[in-house]
């Protein structure tokens, strides 16, 4: 853990732009040694199974591809490689984000990973692992929510999980620290469940 004792678990679908903004916020906090982050996979495709509508507009199942590649990276090369690949999916160069995912083969190369991992995107070989990781995250917050799921733990015994925070634009260091402090305060209030503003559906 960090000097402040905070460990964060983040469950993410690598294809979600809003989740990437949350991940960037967590990464900046980690760079400042305020938190330690462990990254876990979840899947919007799994989340939306059985629904009559298609909230992600993905009738062909494209969103399975990036999370399957991530699962292969994690299985074969470990969590540090998973984070490198996740960053490479969204950053054209360090610190510069895209509006959508980079080319998978390019991202693998940027992360120092074999290009043939891209083939995992069309295979169900890691689906069971994805579903198991997804289930662990969803179990913390309940069904029907989304990505990301963020769990906060510290040495004092605080152990809370939330859907979100959902961030709609990059936050600077000052606002990022303010948001983190607010989450710590909310996590300490055991009956607290949800806080939401209008704007996203």
Protein backbone atom coordinates (compact mmCIF):
# COMPACT_ATOMS: atom_id res chain seq x y z
CA UNK A 1 0.00 0.00 0.00
CA UNK A 2 0.96 3.67 -0.27
CA UNK A 3 2.10 5.81 2.64
CA UNK A 4 -1.57 6.75 3.17
CA UNK A 5 -2.58 3.09 3.09
CA UNK A 6 -5.14 3.28 0.29
CA UNK A 7 -5.51 0.43 -2.17
CA UNK A 8 -7.95 0.74 -5.05
CA UNK A 9 -9.36 -2.06 -7.20
CA UNK A 10 -10.74 -0.91 -10.54
CA UNK A 11 -12.89 -3.14 -12.76
CA UNK A 12 -12.96 -1.75 -16.29
CA UNK A 13 -14.15 -2.50 -19.79
CA UNK A 14 -11.28 -1.33 -22.04
CA UNK A 15 -13.64 -0.07 -24.74
CA UNK A 16 -15.46 2.50 -22.58
CA UNK A 17 -14.24 6.10 -23.09
CA UNK A 18 -15.72 7.34 -19.82
CA UNK A 19 -14.06 4.52 -17.91
CA UNK A 20 -10.73 5.51 -19.46
CA UNK A 21 -11.18 9.01 -18.00
CA UNK A 22 -11.70 7.46 -14.57
CA UNK A 23 -8.65 5.25 -15.11
CA UNK A 24 -6.54 8.29 -16.03
CA UNK A 25 -7.63 9.96 -12.81
CA UNK A 26 -6.64 6.89 -10.79
CA UNK A 27 -3.31 6.65 -12.61
CA UNK A 28 -2.48 10.25 -11.73
CA UNK A 29 -3.30 9.59 -8.09
CA UNK A 30 -1.05 6.53 -8.20
CA UNK A 31 1.76 8.57 -9.78
CA UNK A 32 1.51 10.93 -6.80
CA UNK A 33 1.75 7.89 -4.47
CA UNK A 34 -1.67 8.58 -2.99
CA UNK A 35 -3.04 5.16 -3.92
CA UNK A 36 -2.05 1.75 -5.22
CA UNK A 37 -4.28 0.43 -8.01
CA UNK A 38 -5.04 -3.16 -9.02
CA UNK A 39 -6.76 -3.49 -12.40
CA UNK A 40 -9.46 -6.06 -13.18
CA UNK A 41 -11.49 -6.77 -16.29
CA UNK A 42 -15.22 -6.48 -16.72
CA UNK A 43 -17.30 -6.52 -19.89
CA UNK A 44 -20.13 -4.38 -21.19
CA UNK A 45 -21.02 -7.29 -23.47
CA UNK A 46 -21.54 -9.52 -20.43
CA UNK A 47 -23.31 -6.75 -18.53
CA UNK A 48 -25.89 -6.28 -21.29
CA UNK A 49 -26.59 -9.94 -22.04
CA UNK A 50 -30.29 -10.76 -22.02
CA UNK A 51 -31.45 -7.18 -22.47
CA UNK A 52 -34.13 -6.42 -25.03
CA UNK A 53 -32.35 -3.22 -26.05
CA UNK A 54 -28.72 -2.68 -27.09
CA UNK A 55 -27.44 0.22 -24.96
CA UNK A 56 -23.96 0.11 -26.48
CA UNK A 57 -25.15 -0.11 -30.10
CA UNK A 58 -23.10 -3.26 -30.64
CA UNK A 59 -25.24 -5.81 -32.54
CA UNK A 60 -22.18 -7.60 -33.95
CA UNK A 61 -20.40 -8.08 -30.64
CA UNK A 62 -17.38 -5.91 -31.45
CA UNK A 63 -16.94 -4.96 -27.80
CA UNK A 64 -15.88 -8.52 -27.03
CA UNK A 65 -12.69 -8.00 -29.05
CA UNK A 66 -10.72 -5.54 -26.87
CA UNK A 67 -11.63 -7.21 -23.58
CA UNK A 68 -10.63 -10.62 -24.94
CA UNK A 69 -7.25 -9.27 -26.03
CA UNK A 70 -6.84 -7.72 -22.58
CA UNK A 71 -7.63 -11.06 -20.97
CA UNK A 72 -5.01 -12.78 -23.12
CA UNK A 73 -2.44 -10.12 -22.20
CA UNK A 74 -3.21 -10.56 -18.51
CA UNK A 75 -3.06 -14.35 -18.70
CA UNK A 76 0.18 -14.56 -20.67
CA UNK A 77 2.10 -11.48 -19.54
CA UNK A 78 0.64 -10.35 -16.20
CA UNK A 79 -1.01 -7.27 -14.70
CA UNK A 80 1.76 -4.78 -15.54
CA UNK A 81 1.45 -5.70 -19.21
CA UNK A 82 -2.34 -5.36 -19.00
CA UNK A 83 -1.96 -1.79 -17.78
CA UNK A 84 0.59 -0.97 -20.50
CA UNK A 85 -1.75 -2.30 -23.16
CA UNK A 86 -4.77 -0.48 -21.71
CA UNK A 87 -2.86 2.80 -21.80
CA UNK A 88 -1.65 2.10 -25.33
CA UNK A 89 -5.24 1.53 -26.47
CA UNK A 90 -6.16 5.10 -25.53
CA UNK A 91 -2.96 7.15 -25.74
CA UNK A 92 -1.51 8.06 -29.13
CA UNK A 93 1.59 9.12 -27.22
CA UNK A 94 2.18 9.29 -23.46
CA UNK A 95 -0.29 11.69 -21.90
CA UNK A 96 -2.23 12.36 -25.12
CA UNK A 97 -5.62 10.64 -25.26
CA UNK A 98 -7.78 9.66 -28.23
CA UNK A 99 -11.54 9.79 -28.67
CA UNK A 100 -11.58 6.07 -29.50
CA UNK A 101 -9.40 3.00 -29.29
CA UNK A 102 -6.12 2.83 -31.18
CA UNK A 103 -5.41 -0.01 -33.58
CA UNK A 104 -5.02 -3.20 -31.54
CA UNK A 105 -1.79 -4.37 -33.20
CA UNK A 106 -0.24 -0.91 -32.84
CA UNK A 107 -1.25 -0.80 -29.19
CA UNK A 108 0.28 -4.22 -28.57
CA UNK A 109 3.52 -3.01 -30.14
CA UNK A 110 3.50 0.17 -28.07
CA UNK A 111 3.05 -1.96 -24.96
CA UNK A 112 5.95 -4.21 -25.96
CA UNK A 113 3.71 -7.22 -26.50
CA UNK A 114 3.50 -9.80 -29.31
CA UNK A 115 1.25 -8.81 -32.19
CA UNK A 116 -0.26 -12.29 -32.39
CA UNK A 117 -2.18 -11.61 -29.17
CA UNK A 118 -4.66 -9.79 -31.38
CA UNK A 119 -6.03 -13.18 -32.44
CA UNK A 120 -7.47 -13.63 -28.95
CA UNK A 121 -10.05 -11.00 -29.84
CA UNK A 122 -11.85 -13.48 -32.08
CA UNK A 123 -11.60 -16.41 -29.66
CA UNK A 124 -13.76 -17.40 -26.72
CA UNK A 125 -10.76 -18.98 -24.96
CA UNK A 126 -10.68 -16.35 -22.22
CA UNK A 127 -14.40 -15.70 -21.92
CA UNK A 128 -14.72 -17.74 -18.72
CA UNK A 129 -11.96 -15.69 -17.08
CA UNK A 130 -13.60 -12.46 -18.24
CA UNK A 131 -16.96 -13.55 -16.86
CA UNK A 132 -15.43 -14.57 -13.53
CA UNK A 133 -13.62 -11.25 -13.12
CA UNK A 134 -16.76 -9.37 -14.18
CA UNK A 135 -18.83 -11.28 -11.63
CA UNK A 136 -16.41 -10.39 -8.82
CA UNK A 137 -16.75 -6.70 -9.60
CA UNK A 138 -20.52 -6.72 -10.03
CA UNK A 139 -20.95 -8.64 -6.78
CA UNK A 140 -19.53 -5.64 -4.94
CA UNK A 141 -22.11 -3.15 -6.23
CA UNK A 142 -25.08 -5.19 -7.45
CA UNK A 143 -26.43 -5.86 -10.95
CA UNK A 144 -27.67 -3.33 -13.47
CA UNK A 145 -24.92 -0.74 -13.09
CA UNK A 146 -21.88 -0.50 -15.32
CA UNK A 147 -18.19 0.22 -15.73
CA UNK A 148 -16.08 1.15 -13.86
CA UNK A 149 -16.48 -0.46 -10.47
CA UNK A 150 -14.05 1.06 -7.97
CA UNK A 151 -13.28 -0.47 -4.59
CA UNK A 152 -11.50 1.52 -1.86
CA UNK A 153 -9.65 -0.10 1.04
CA UNK A 154 -7.35 1.22 3.75
CA UNK A 155 -5.58 0.04 6.88
CA UNK A 156 -8.32 1.34 9.17
CA UNK A 157 -10.81 -1.17 7.80
CA UNK A 158 -12.65 0.96 5.24
CA UNK A 159 -13.75 -1.33 2.41
CA UNK A 160 -16.32 0.16 0.05
CA UNK A 161 -17.12 -0.26 -3.63
CA UNK A 162 -18.96 2.07 -5.99
CA UNK A 163 -20.06 2.23 -9.59
CA UNK A 164 -17.94 5.11 -10.83
CA UNK A 165 -17.02 7.81 -10.39
CA UNK A 166 -18.16 8.61 -13.92
CA UNK A 167 -16.04 11.46 -15.28
CA UNK A 168 -17.06 13.19 -18.53
CA UNK A 169 -13.83 15.14 -19.10
CA UNK A 170 -10.23 14.99 -17.96
CA UNK A 171 -9.70 16.42 -14.49
CA UNK A 172 -6.57 18.29 -13.49
CA UNK A 173 -4.46 17.53 -10.46
CA UNK A 174 -6.31 19.90 -8.13
CA UNK A 175 -9.78 18.69 -9.11
CA UNK A 176 -8.55 15.11 -9.14
CA UNK A 177 -7.36 15.42 -5.57
CA UNK A 178 -10.62 17.08 -4.56
CA UNK A 179 -12.58 14.21 -6.12
CA UNK A 180 -10.42 11.64 -4.34
CA UNK A 181 -10.91 13.30 -0.98
CA UNK A 182 -14.66 13.41 -1.57
CA UNK A 183 -14.69 9.68 -2.34
CA UNK A 184 -12.78 8.94 0.85
CA UNK A 185 -15.33 10.89 2.86
CA UNK A 186 -18.27 9.14 1.17
CA UNK A 187 -16.68 5.72 1.64
CA UNK A 188 -16.49 6.35 5.38
CA UNK A 189 -20.27 6.87 5.60
CA UNK A 190 -21.54 3.30 5.69
CA UNK A 191 -25.21 4.00 4.80
CA UNK A 192 -24.23 6.07 1.74
CA UNK A 193 -25.28 4.37 -1.50
CA UNK A 194 -25.66 6.71 -4.47
CA UNK A 195 -25.13 10.27 -5.66
CA UNK A 196 -26.04 11.19 -9.23
CA UNK A 197 -26.40 14.29 -11.38
CA UNK A 198 -28.51 14.58 -14.56
CA UNK A 199 -26.88 14.60 -17.96
CA UNK A 200 -25.88 11.01 -18.69
CA UNK A 201 -28.36 8.25 -19.44
